[in-house]
Amino acid sequence: MDHLRRRGFRIVETEHGGAAIRTAAAQSFDYVVVDIDWVGVSDGAALARWTTTKRSQTRVVLSSTTLSHWFSAGSAMAGLPLVRKPFRQEDLDRILSPVAVAAPARA
């Protein structure tokens, strides 16, 4: 995540999907990176579904330790980008580049 901070992204991390939904309801984000393997109070899939329906302007990126997930055509998650964890910088750069901001120059 340090790579993204250096590129100008504000990073907000939460412990589970329920906390993430509360955070996303209170603030706006350009992107939400969702761990779909998340389990607990509210899972990552719930966060992805909530974001795509309640914050349609927010782009959702799914992440997983595997890339074997399949979503039916009618699913809120069908067609969303999926990146393998741990993230490679170039994978995130490719997906986030439309809103990427260059890091401010240092004096």
PDB file of N, CA and C in Angstrom:
ATOM      1  N   MET A   1       0.803  -1.190   0.000  1.00  0.00           N
ATOM      2  CA  MET A   1       0.000   0.000   0.000  1.00  0.00           C
ATOM      3  C   MET A   1       0.853   1.264   0.000  1.00  0.00           C
ATOM      4  N   ASP A   2       2.084   1.149   0.457  1.00  0.00           N
ATOM      5  CA  ASP A   2       2.973   2.321   0.442  1.00  0.00           C
ATOM      6  C   ASP A   2       3.159   2.846  -0.972  1.00  0.00           C
ATOM      7  N   HIS A   3       3.213   1.941  -1.937  1.00  0.00           N
ATOM      8  CA  HIS A   3       3.354   2.339  -3.343  1.00  0.00           C
ATOM      9  C   HIS A   3       2.197   3.256  -3.746  1.00  0.00           C
ATOM     10  N   LEU A   4       1.001   2.913  -3.351  1.00  0.00           N
ATOM     11  CA  LEU A   4      -0.163   3.725  -3.696  1.00  0.00           C
ATOM     12  C   LEU A   4      -0.140   5.068  -2.971  1.00  0.00           C
ATOM     13  N   ARG A   5       0.290   5.073  -1.719  1.00  0.00           N
ATOM     14  CA  ARG A   5       0.403   6.339  -0.992  1.00  0.00           C
ATOM     15  C   ARG A   5       1.395   7.270  -1.687  1.00  0.00           C
ATOM     16  N   ARG A   6       2.521   6.724  -2.133  1.00  0.00           N
ATOM     17  CA  ARG A   6       3.523   7.538  -2.840  1.00  0.00           C
ATOM     18  C   ARG A   6       2.964   8.097  -4.139  1.00  0.00           C
ATOM     19  N   ARG A   7       2.012   7.417  -4.726  1.00  0.00           N
ATOM     20  CA  ARG A   7       1.400   7.884  -5.977  1.00  0.00           C
ATOM     21  C   ARG A   7       0.255   8.854  -5.732  1.00  0.00           C
ATOM     22  N   GLY A   8      -0.030   9.181  -4.482  1.00  0.00           N
ATOM     23  CA  GLY A   8      -1.035  10.179  -4.167  1.00  0.00           C
ATOM     24  C   GLY A   8      -2.378   9.649  -3.728  1.00  0.00           C
ATOM     25  N   PHE A   9      -2.517   8.339  -3.586  1.00  0.00           N
ATOM     26  CA  PHE A   9      -3.780   7.770  -3.140  1.00  0.00           C
ATOM     27  C   PHE A   9      -3.894   7.864  -1.616  1.00  0.00           C
ATOM     28  N   ARG A  10      -5.089   8.166  -1.151  1.00  0.00           N
ATOM     29  CA  ARG A  10      -5.394   8.115   0.279  1.00  0.00           C
ATOM     30  C   ARG A  10      -5.888   6.694   0.546  1.00  0.00           C
ATOM     31  N   ILE A  11      -5.291   6.027   1.494  1.00  0.00           N
ATOM     32  CA  ILE A  11      -5.624   4.632   1.792  1.00  0.00           C
ATOM     33  C   ILE A  11      -6.353   4.571   3.134  1.00  0.00           C
ATOM     34  N   VAL A  12      -7.491   3.904   3.141  1.00  0.00           N
ATOM     35  CA  VAL A  12      -8.244   3.661   4.365  1.00  0.00           C
ATOM     36  C   VAL A  12      -8.402   2.155   4.470  1.00  0.00           C
ATOM     37  N   GLU A  13      -7.952   1.588   5.579  1.00  0.00           N
ATOM     38  CA  GLU A  13      -8.049   0.148   5.776  1.00  0.00           C
ATOM     39  C   GLU A  13      -9.014  -0.149   6.919  1.00  0.00           C
ATOM     40  N   THR A  14      -9.750  -1.248   6.793  1.00  0.00           N
ATOM     41  CA  THR A  14     -10.661  -1.683   7.852  1.00  0.00           C
ATOM     42  C   THR A  14     -10.416  -3.162   8.123  1.00  0.00           C
ATOM     43  N   GLU A  15     -10.949  -3.624   9.258  1.00  0.00           N
ATOM     44  CA  GLU A  15     -10.714  -5.001   9.676  1.00  0.00           C
ATOM     45  C   GLU A  15     -11.668  -6.008   9.058  1.00  0.00           C
ATOM     46  N   HIS A  16     -12.844  -5.555   8.647  1.00  0.00           N
ATOM     47  CA  HIS A  16     -13.819  -6.476   8.056  1.00  0.00           C
ATOM     48  C   HIS A  16     -14.805  -5.685   7.206  1.00  0.00           C
ATOM     49  N   GLY A  17     -15.628  -6.404   6.480  1.00  0.00           N
ATOM     50  CA  GLY A  17     -16.560  -5.787   5.549  1.00  0.00           C
ATOM     51  C   GLY A  17     -17.576  -4.870   6.193  1.00  0.00           C
ATOM     52  N   GLY A  18     -18.041  -5.191   7.394  1.00  0.00           N
ATOM     53  CA  GLY A  18     -19.013  -4.341   8.075  1.00  0.00           C
ATOM     54  C   GLY A  18     -18.437  -2.962   8.356  1.00  0.00           C
ATOM     55  N   ALA A  19     -17.227  -2.928   8.877  1.00  0.00           N
ATOM     56  CA  ALA A  19     -16.558  -1.648   9.135  1.00  0.00           C
ATOM     57  C   ALA A  19     -16.296  -0.909   7.827  1.00  0.00           C
ATOM     58  N   ALA A  20     -15.965  -1.643   6.789  1.00  0.00           N
ATOM     59  CA  ALA A  20     -15.703  -1.017   5.488  1.00  0.00           C
ATOM     60  C   ALA A  20     -16.975  -0.397   4.914  1.00  0.00           C
ATOM     61  N   ILE A  21     -18.111  -1.061   5.070  1.00  0.00           N
ATOM     62  CA  ILE A  21     -19.376  -0.515   4.586  1.00  0.00           C
ATOM     63  C   ILE A  21     -19.711   0.770   5.346  1.00  0.00           C
ATOM     64  N   ARG A  22     -19.518   0.771   6.655  1.00  0.00           N
ATOM     65  CA  ARG A  22     -19.776   1.990   7.438  1.00  0.00           C
ATOM     66  C   ARG A  22     -18.861   3.123   6.983  1.00  0.00           C
ATOM     67  N   THR A  23     -17.600   2.822   6.711  1.00  0.00           N
ATOM     68  CA  THR A  23     -16.653   3.838   6.243  1.00  0.00           C
ATOM     69  C   THR A  23     -17.061   4.350   4.873  1.00  0.00           C
ATOM     70  N   ALA A  24     -17.436   3.449   3.968  1.00  0.00           N
ATOM     71  CA  ALA A  24     -17.835   3.840   2.614  1.00  0.00           C
ATOM     72  C   ALA A  24     -19.147   4.626   2.618  1.00  0.00           C
ATOM     73  N   ALA A  25     -20.002   4.389   3.594  1.00  0.00           N
ATOM     74  CA  ALA A  25     -21.254   5.135   3.696  1.00  0.00           C
ATOM     75  C   ALA A  25     -20.997   6.568   4.168  1.00  0.00           C
ATOM     76  N   ALA A  26     -19.929   6.751   4.942  1.00  0.00           N
ATOM     77  CA  ALA A  26     -19.633   8.064   5.512  1.00  0.00           C
ATOM     78  C   ALA A  26     -18.724   8.922   4.635  1.00  0.00           C
ATOM     79  N   GLN A  27     -17.986   8.303   3.723  1.00  0.00           N
ATOM     80  CA  GLN A  27     -17.015   9.017   2.889  1.00  0.00           C
ATOM     81  C   GLN A  27     -17.160   8.556   1.447  1.00  0.00           C
ATOM     82  N   SER A  28     -16.680   9.376   0.527  1.00  0.00           N
ATOM     83  CA  SER A  28     -16.666   8.930  -0.867  1.00  0.00           C
ATOM     84  C   SER A  28     -15.253   8.501  -1.240  1.00  0.00           C
ATOM     85  N   PHE A  29     -15.172   7.536  -2.123  1.00  0.00           N
ATOM     86  CA  PHE A  29     -13.898   6.990  -2.582  1.00  0.00           C
ATOM     87  C   PHE A  29     -13.942   6.833  -4.091  1.00  0.00           C
ATOM     88  N   ASP A  30     -12.788   7.002  -4.737  1.00  0.00           N
ATOM     89  CA  ASP A  30     -12.695   6.710  -6.164  1.00  0.00           C
ATOM     90  C   ASP A  30     -12.725   5.203  -6.384  1.00  0.00           C
ATOM     91  N   TYR A  31     -12.011   4.486  -5.533  1.00  0.00           N
ATOM     92  CA  TYR A  31     -11.895   3.028  -5.635  1.00  0.00           C
ATOM     93  C   TYR A  31     -12.098   2.391  -4.275  1.00  0.00           C
ATOM     94  N   VAL A  32     -12.641   1.185  -4.296  1.00  0.00           N
ATOM     95  CA  VAL A  32     -12.681   0.323  -3.129  1.00  0.00           C
ATOM     96  C   VAL A  32     -12.061  -0.994  -3.572  1.00  0.00           C
ATOM     97  N   VAL A  33     -10.992  -1.387  -2.887  1.00  0.00           N
ATOM     98  CA  VAL A  33     -10.352  -2.676  -3.165  1.00  0.00           C
ATOM     99  C   VAL A  33     -10.886  -3.644  -2.120  1.00  0.00           C
ATOM    100  N   VAL A  34     -11.571  -4.684  -2.602  1.00  0.00           N
ATOM    101  CA  VAL A  34     -12.320  -5.593  -1.743  1.00  0.00           C
ATOM    102  C   VAL A  34     -11.674  -6.969  -1.725  1.00  0.00           C
ATOM    103  N   ASP A  35     -11.361  -7.444  -0.539  1.00  0.00           N
ATOM    104  CA  ASP A  35     -10.878  -8.812  -0.380  1.00  0.00           C
ATOM    105  C   ASP A  35     -12.095  -9.720  -0.351  1.00  0.00           C
ATOM    106  N   ILE A  36     -12.343 -10.443  -1.438  1.00  0.00           N
ATOM    107  CA  ILE A  36     -13.553 -11.276  -1.488  1.00  0.00           C
ATOM    108  C   ILE A  36     -13.405 -12.574  -0.693  1.00  0.00           C
ATOM    109  N   ASP A  37     -12.206 -12.812  -0.160  1.00  0.00           N
ATOM    110  CA  ASP A  37     -12.014 -13.953   0.726  1.00  0.00           C
ATOM    111  C   ASP A  37     -12.270 -13.575   2.187  1.00  0.00           C
ATOM    112  N   TRP A  38     -12.594 -12.298   2.417  1.00  0.00           N
ATOM    113  CA  TRP A  38     -12.864 -11.787   3.762  1.00  0.00           C
ATOM    114  C   TRP A  38     -14.056 -12.508   4.352  1.00  0.00           C
ATOM    115  N   VAL A  39     -13.966 -12.904   5.606  1.00  0.00           N
ATOM    116  CA  VAL A  39     -15.098 -13.500   6.312  1.00  0.00           C
ATOM    117  C   VAL A  39     -15.236 -12.794   7.661  1.00  0.00           C
ATOM    118  N   GLY A  40     -16.366 -12.893   8.235  1.00  0.00           N
ATOM    119  CA  GLY A  40     -16.557 -12.270   9.544  1.00  0.00           C
ATOM    120  C   GLY A  40     -17.874 -11.549   9.617  1.00  0.00           C
ATOM    121  N   VAL A  41     -17.872 -10.395  10.307  1.00  0.00           N
ATOM    122  CA  VAL A  41     -19.090  -9.633  10.546  1.00  0.00           C
ATOM    123  C   VAL A  41     -19.841  -9.397   9.244  1.00  0.00           C
ATOM    124  N   SER A  42     -19.136  -8.956   8.239  1.00  0.00           N
ATOM    125  CA  SER A  42     -19.690  -8.790   6.900  1.00  0.00           C
ATOM    126  C   SER A  42     -18.554  -9.093   5.949  1.00  0.00           C
ATOM    127  N   ASP A  43     -18.788  -9.931   4.992  1.00  0.00           N
ATOM    128  CA  ASP A  43     -17.694 -10.371   4.132  1.00  0.00           C
ATOM    129  C   ASP A  43     -17.397  -9.392   3.001  1.00  0.00           C
ATOM    130  N   GLY A  44     -16.314  -9.671   2.288  1.00  0.00           N
ATOM    131  CA  GLY A  44     -15.909  -8.822   1.176  1.00  0.00           C
ATOM    132  C   GLY A  44     -16.934  -8.781   0.064  1.00  0.00           C
ATOM    133  N   ALA A  45     -17.601  -9.898  -0.177  1.00  0.00           N
ATOM    134  CA  ALA A  45     -18.632  -9.925  -1.222  1.00  0.00           C
ATOM    135  C   ALA A  45     -19.766  -8.968  -0.869  1.00  0.00           C
ATOM    136  N   ALA A  46     -20.128  -8.900   0.415  1.00  0.00           N
ATOM    137  CA  ALA A  46     -21.174  -7.965   0.847  1.00  0.00           C
ATOM    138  C   ALA A  46     -20.737  -6.525   0.599  1.00  0.00           C
ATOM    139  N   LEU A  47     -19.484  -6.226   0.869  1.00  0.00           N
ATOM    140  CA  LEU A  47     -18.951  -4.878   0.613  1.00  0.00           C
ATOM    141  C   LEU A  47     -18.999  -4.559  -0.876  1.00  0.00           C
ATOM    142  N   ALA A  48     -18.598  -5.498  -1.714  1.00  0.00           N
ATOM    143  CA  ALA A  48     -18.627  -5.279  -3.166  1.00  0.00           C
ATOM    144  C   ALA A  48     -20.058  -5.035  -3.644  1.00  0.00           C
ATOM    145  N   ARG A  49     -20.998  -5.845  -3.186  1.00  0.00           N
ATOM    146  CA  ARG A  49     -22.401  -5.666  -3.575  1.00  0.00           C
ATOM    147  C   ARG A  49     -22.934  -4.323  -3.098  1.00  0.00           C
ATOM    148  N   TRP A  50     -22.645  -3.958  -1.848  1.00  0.00           N
ATOM    149  CA  TRP A  50     -23.107  -2.687  -1.300  1.00  0.00           C
ATOM    150  C   TRP A  50     -22.547  -1.520  -2.121  1.00  0.00           C
ATOM    151  N   THR A  51     -21.267  -1.573  -2.410  1.00  0.00           N
ATOM    152  CA  THR A  51     -20.625  -0.476  -3.129  1.00  0.00           C
ATOM    153  C   THR A  51     -21.191  -0.328  -4.536  1.00  0.00           C
ATOM    154  N   THR A  52     -21.368  -1.428  -5.250  1.00  0.00           N
ATOM    155  CA  THR A  52     -21.875  -1.329  -6.622  1.00  0.00           C
ATOM    156  C   THR A  52     -23.314  -0.836  -6.672  1.00  0.00           C
ATOM    157  N   THR A  53     -24.097  -1.076  -5.621  1.00  0.00           N
ATOM    158  CA  THR A  53     -25.488  -0.618  -5.628  1.00  0.00           C
ATOM    159  C   THR A  53     -25.674   0.750  -4.975  1.00  0.00           C
ATOM    160  N   LYS A  54     -24.936   1.040  -3.912  1.00  0.00           N
ATOM    161  CA  LYS A  54     -25.134   2.285  -3.163  1.00  0.00           C
ATOM    162  C   LYS A  54     -24.177   3.408  -3.562  1.00  0.00           C
ATOM    163  N   ARG A  55     -23.038   3.064  -4.118  1.00  0.00           N
ATOM    164  CA  ARG A  55     -22.024   4.047  -4.521  1.00  0.00           C
ATOM    165  C   ARG A  55     -21.577   3.736  -5.952  1.00  0.00           C
ATOM    166  N   SER A  56     -22.500   3.839  -6.870  1.00  0.00           N
ATOM    167  CA  SER A  56     -22.219   3.413  -8.249  1.00  0.00           C
ATOM    168  C   SER A  56     -21.071   4.178  -8.902  1.00  0.00           C
ATOM    169  N   GLN A  57     -20.741   5.373  -8.412  1.00  0.00           N
ATOM    170  CA  GLN A  57     -19.624   6.138  -8.968  1.00  0.00           C
ATOM    171  C   GLN A  57     -18.270   5.599  -8.491  1.00  0.00           C
ATOM    172  N   THR A  58     -18.264   4.778  -7.457  1.00  0.00           N
ATOM    173  CA  THR A  58     -17.028   4.202  -6.918  1.00  0.00           C
ATOM    174  C   THR A  58     -16.679   2.948  -7.701  1.00  0.00           C
ATOM    175  N   ARG A  59     -15.458   2.880  -8.177  1.00  0.00           N
ATOM    176  CA  ARG A  59     -15.006   1.685  -8.896  1.00  0.00           C
ATOM    177  C   ARG A  59     -14.579   0.640  -7.881  1.00  0.00           C
ATOM    178  N   VAL A  60     -14.991  -0.587  -8.117  1.00  0.00           N
ATOM    179  CA  VAL A  60     -14.683  -1.691  -7.213  1.00  0.00           C
ATOM    180  C   VAL A  60     -13.656  -2.593  -7.872  1.00  0.00           C
ATOM    181  N   VAL A  61     -12.600  -2.900  -7.120  1.00  0.00           N
ATOM    182  CA  VAL A  61     -11.571  -3.854  -7.542  1.00  0.00           C
ATOM    183  C   VAL A  61     -11.627  -4.999  -6.553  1.00  0.00           C
ATOM    184  N   LEU A  62     -11.806  -6.207  -7.059  1.00  0.00           N
ATOM    185  CA  LEU A  62     -11.830  -7.389  -6.212  1.00  0.00           C
ATOM    186  C   LEU A  62     -10.414  -7.929  -6.049  1.00  0.00           C
ATOM    187  N   SER A  63     -10.116  -8.439  -4.868  1.00  0.00           N
ATOM    188  CA  SER A  63      -8.820  -9.070  -4.644  1.00  0.00           C
ATOM    189  C   SER A  63      -9.043 -10.412  -3.970  1.00  0.00           C
ATOM    190  N   SER A  64      -8.113 -11.323  -4.228  1.00  0.00           N
ATOM    191  CA  SER A  64      -8.228 -12.665  -3.683  1.00  0.00           C
ATOM    192  C   SER A  64      -6.859 -13.331  -3.718  1.00  0.00           C
ATOM    193  N   THR A  65      -6.669 -14.317  -2.852  1.00  0.00           N
ATOM    194  CA  THR A  65      -5.425 -15.084  -2.899  1.00  0.00           C
ATOM    195  C   THR A  65      -5.424 -16.053  -4.068  1.00  0.00           C
ATOM    196  N   THR A  66      -6.606 -16.288  -4.642  1.00  0.00           N
ATOM    197  CA  THR A  66      -6.711 -17.127  -5.841  1.00  0.00           C
ATOM    198  C   THR A  66      -7.447 -16.338  -6.914  1.00  0.00           C
ATOM    199  N   LEU A  67      -7.359 -16.756  -8.115  1.00  0.00           N
ATOM    200  CA  LEU A  67      -8.119 -16.117  -9.188  1.00  0.00           C
ATOM    201  C   LEU A  67      -9.158 -17.084  -9.737  1.00  0.00           C
ATOM    202  N   SER A  68      -9.611 -17.996  -8.887  1.00  0.00           N
ATOM    203  CA  SER A  68     -10.527 -19.038  -9.341  1.00  0.00           C
ATOM    204  C   SER A  68     -11.994 -18.704  -9.091  1.00  0.00           C
ATOM    205  N   HIS A  69     -12.292 -17.467  -8.712  1.00  0.00           N
ATOM    206  CA  HIS A  69     -13.672 -17.088  -8.435  1.00  0.00           C
ATOM    207  C   HIS A  69     -14.451 -16.929  -9.738  1.00  0.00           C
ATOM    208  N   TRP A  70     -15.688 -17.363  -9.697  1.00  0.00           N
ATOM    209  CA  TRP A  70     -16.571 -17.226 -10.855  1.00  0.00           C
ATOM    210  C   TRP A  70     -17.851 -16.581 -10.370  1.00  0.00           C
ATOM    211  N   PHE A  71     -18.327 -15.569 -11.103  1.00  0.00           N
ATOM    212  CA  PHE A  71     -19.545 -14.865 -10.733  1.00  0.00           C
ATOM    213  C   PHE A  71     -20.524 -14.956 -11.888  1.00  0.00           C
ATOM    214  N   SER A  72     -21.772 -15.262 -11.583  1.00  0.00           N
ATOM    215  CA  SER A  72     -22.784 -15.370 -12.636  1.00  0.00           C
ATOM    216  C   SER A  72     -23.000 -14.012 -13.292  1.00  0.00           C
ATOM    217  N   ALA A  73     -23.518 -14.013 -14.507  1.00  0.00           N
ATOM    218  CA  ALA A  73     -23.692 -12.793 -15.292  1.00  0.00           C
ATOM    219  C   ALA A  73     -24.542 -11.761 -14.568  1.00  0.00           C
ATOM    220  N   GLY A  74     -25.487 -12.171 -13.756  1.00  0.00           N
ATOM    221  CA  GLY A  74     -26.346 -11.230 -13.045  1.00  0.00           C
ATOM    222  C   GLY A  74     -25.773 -10.733 -11.736  1.00  0.00           C
ATOM    223  N   SER A  75     -24.632 -11.248 -11.341  1.00  0.00           N
ATOM    224  CA  SER A  75     -24.021 -10.885 -10.067  1.00  0.00           C
ATOM    225  C   SER A  75     -23.489  -9.458 -10.094  1.00  0.00           C
ATOM    226  N   ALA A  76     -23.561  -8.785  -8.941  1.00  0.00           N
ATOM    227  CA  ALA A  76     -22.997  -7.430  -8.820  1.00  0.00           C
ATOM    228  C   ALA A  76     -21.492  -7.444  -9.041  1.00  0.00           C
ATOM    229  N   MET A  77     -20.865  -8.597  -8.904  1.00  0.00           N
ATOM    230  CA  MET A  77     -19.411  -8.688  -9.035  1.00  0.00           C
ATOM    231  C   MET A  77     -18.953  -9.145 -10.414  1.00  0.00           C
ATOM    232  N   ALA A  78     -19.870  -9.541 -11.267  1.00  0.00           N
ATOM    233  CA  ALA A  78     -19.509  -9.981 -12.618  1.00  0.00           C
ATOM    234  C   ALA A  78     -18.852  -8.831 -13.377  1.00  0.00           C
ATOM    235  N   GLY A  79     -17.730  -9.089 -13.977  1.00  0.00           N
ATOM    236  CA  GLY A  79     -17.056  -8.097 -14.800  1.00  0.00           C
ATOM    237  C   GLY A  79     -16.160  -7.132 -14.041  1.00  0.00           C
ATOM    238  N   LEU A  80     -16.129  -7.206 -12.713  1.00  0.00           N
ATOM    239  CA  LEU A  80     -15.243  -6.325 -11.955  1.00  0.00           C
ATOM    240  C   LEU A  80     -13.806  -6.840 -12.043  1.00  0.00           C
ATOM    241  N   PRO A  81     -12.819  -5.945 -12.041  1.00  0.00           N
ATOM    242  CA  PRO A  81     -11.429  -6.401 -12.090  1.00  0.00           C
ATOM    243  C   PRO A  81     -11.086  -7.215 -10.845  1.00  0.00           C
ATOM    244  N   LEU A  82     -10.271  -8.241 -11.037  1.00  0.00           N
ATOM    245  CA  LEU A  82      -9.848  -9.122  -9.957  1.00  0.00           C
ATOM    246  C   LEU A  82      -8.330  -9.220  -9.968  1.00  0.00           C
ATOM    247  N   VAL A  83      -7.696  -8.885  -8.843  1.00  0.00           N
ATOM    248  CA  VAL A  83      -6.239  -8.975  -8.733  1.00  0.00           C
ATOM    249  C   VAL A  83      -5.873  -9.966  -7.641  1.00  0.00           C
ATOM    250  N   ARG A  84      -4.777 -10.657  -7.868  1.00  0.00           N
ATOM    251  CA  ARG A  84      -4.297 -11.658  -6.918  1.00  0.00           C
ATOM    252  C   ARG A  84      -3.544 -10.980  -5.781  1.00  0.00           C
ATOM    253  N   LYS A  85      -3.777 -11.460  -4.570  1.00  0.00           N
ATOM    254  CA  LYS A  85      -2.999 -11.026  -3.405  1.00  0.00           C
ATOM    255  C   LYS A  85      -1.858 -12.013  -3.217  1.00  0.00           C
ATOM    256  N   PRO A  86      -0.704 -11.584  -2.790  1.00  0.00           N
ATOM    257  CA  PRO A  86      -0.353 -10.190  -2.536  1.00  0.00           C
ATOM    258  C   PRO A  86      -0.273  -9.412  -3.848  1.00  0.00           C
ATOM    259  N   PHE A  87      -0.646  -8.129  -3.782  1.00  0.00           N
ATOM    260  CA  PHE A  87      -0.676  -7.291  -4.973  1.00  0.00           C
ATOM    261  C   PHE A  87       0.719  -7.088  -5.535  1.00  0.00           C
ATOM    262  N   ARG A  88       0.791  -7.110  -6.844  1.00  0.00           N
ATOM    263  CA  ARG A  88       2.002  -6.649  -7.524  1.00  0.00           C
ATOM    264  C   ARG A  88       1.738  -5.202  -7.908  1.00  0.00           C
ATOM    265  N   GLN A  89       2.736  -4.359  -7.768  1.00  0.00           N
ATOM    266  CA  GLN A  89       2.574  -2.939  -8.074  1.00  0.00           C
ATOM    267  C   GLN A  89       2.035  -2.718  -9.478  1.00  0.00           C
ATOM    268  N   GLU A  90       2.561  -3.449 -10.444  1.00  0.00           N
ATOM    269  CA  GLU A  90       2.130  -3.231 -11.825  1.00  0.00           C
ATOM    270  C   GLU A  90       0.668  -3.617 -12.055  1.00  0.00           C
ATOM    271  N   ASP A  91       0.154  -4.606 -11.302  1.00  0.00           N
ATOM    272  CA  ASP A  91      -1.256  -4.978 -11.433  1.00  0.00           C
ATOM    273  C   ASP A  91      -2.157  -3.847 -10.943  1.00  0.00           C
ATOM    274  N   LEU A  92      -1.826  -3.299  -9.787  1.00  0.00           N
ATOM    275  CA  LEU A  92      -2.626  -2.189  -9.265  1.00  0.00           C
ATOM    276  C   LEU A  92      -2.477  -0.954 -10.136  1.00  0.00           C
ATOM    277  N   ASP A  93      -1.279  -0.676 -10.610  1.00  0.00           N
ATOM    278  CA  ASP A  93      -1.076   0.487 -11.484  1.00  0.00           C
ATOM    279  C   ASP A  93      -1.947   0.389 -12.731  1.00  0.00           C
ATOM    280  N   ARG A  94      -2.023  -0.795 -13.309  1.00  0.00           N
ATOM    281  CA  ARG A  94      -2.801  -0.994 -14.533  1.00  0.00           C
ATOM    282  C   ARG A  94      -4.291  -0.739 -14.275  1.00  0.00           C
ATOM    283  N   ILE A  95      -4.794  -1.207 -13.155  1.00  0.00           N
ATOM    284  CA  ILE A  95      -6.217  -1.065 -12.847  1.00  0.00           C
ATOM    285  C   ILE A  95      -6.552   0.341 -12.377  1.00  0.00           C
ATOM    286  N   LEU A  96      -5.681   0.944 -11.586  1.00  0.00           N
ATOM    287  CA  LEU A  96      -5.972   2.241 -10.994  1.00  0.00           C
ATOM    288  C   LEU A  96      -5.504   3.418 -11.833  1.00  0.00           C
ATOM    289  N   SER A  97      -4.805   3.173 -12.921  1.00  0.00           N
ATOM    290  CA  SER A  97      -4.211   4.266 -13.698  1.00  0.00           C
ATOM    291  C   SER A  97      -5.195   5.338 -14.153  1.00  0.00           C
ATOM    292  N   PRO A  98      -6.468   5.042 -14.421  1.00  0.00           N
ATOM    293  CA  PRO A  98      -7.359   6.124 -14.851  1.00  0.00           C
ATOM    294  C   PRO A  98      -7.526   7.246 -13.821  1.00  0.00           C
ATOM    295  N   VAL A  99      -7.294   6.958 -12.529  1.00  0.00           N
ATOM    296  CA  VAL A  99      -7.437   8.001 -11.520  1.00  0.00           C
ATOM    297  C   VAL A  99      -6.129   8.264 -10.784  1.00  0.00           C
ATOM    298  N   ALA A 100      -5.060   7.626 -11.239  1.00  0.00           N
ATOM    299  CA  ALA A 100      -3.784   7.765 -10.530  1.00  0.00           C
ATOM    300  C   ALA A 100      -3.319   9.217 -10.527  1.00  0.00           C
ATOM    301  N   VAL A 101      -2.734   9.586  -9.426  1.00  0.00           N
ATOM    302  CA  VAL A 101      -2.202  10.920  -9.243  1.00  0.00           C
ATOM    303  C   VAL A 101      -0.717  10.798  -8.983  1.00  0.00           C
ATOM    304  N   ALA A 102       0.079  11.589  -9.645  1.00  0.00           N
ATOM    305  CA  ALA A 102       1.516  11.547  -9.400  1.00  0.00           C
ATOM    306  C   ALA A 102       1.795  12.055  -7.996  1.00  0.00           C
ATOM    307  N   ALA A 103       2.780  11.450  -7.359  1.00  0.00           N
ATOM    308  CA  ALA A 103       3.172  11.896  -6.028  1.00  0.00           C
ATOM    309  C   ALA A 103       3.704  13.319  -6.118  1.00  0.00           C
ATOM    310  N   PRO A 104       3.440  14.140  -5.113  1.00  0.00           N
ATOM    311  CA  PRO A 104       3.934  15.521  -5.146  1.00  0.00           C
ATOM    312  C   PRO A 104       5.461  15.545  -5.158  1.00  0.00           C
ATOM    313  N   ALA A 105       6.010  16.514  -5.853  1.00  0.00           N
ATOM    314  CA  ALA A 105       7.467  16.651  -5.931  1.00  0.00           C
ATOM    315  C   ALA A 105       8.005  17.033  -4.563  1.00  0.00           C
ATOM    316  N   ARG A 106       9.146  16.492  -4.228  1.00  0.00           N
ATOM    317  CA  ARG A 106       9.790  16.819  -2.951  1.00  0.00           C
ATOM    318  C   ARG A 106      10.788  17.936  -3.158  1.00  0.00           C
ATOM    319  N   ALA A 107      10.836  18.834  -2.215  1.00  0.00           N
ATOM    320  CA  ALA A 107      11.768  19.969  -2.322  1.00  0.00           C
ATOM    321  C   ALA A 107      13.155  19.583  -1.885  1.00  0.00           C
TER     322      ALA A 107
END
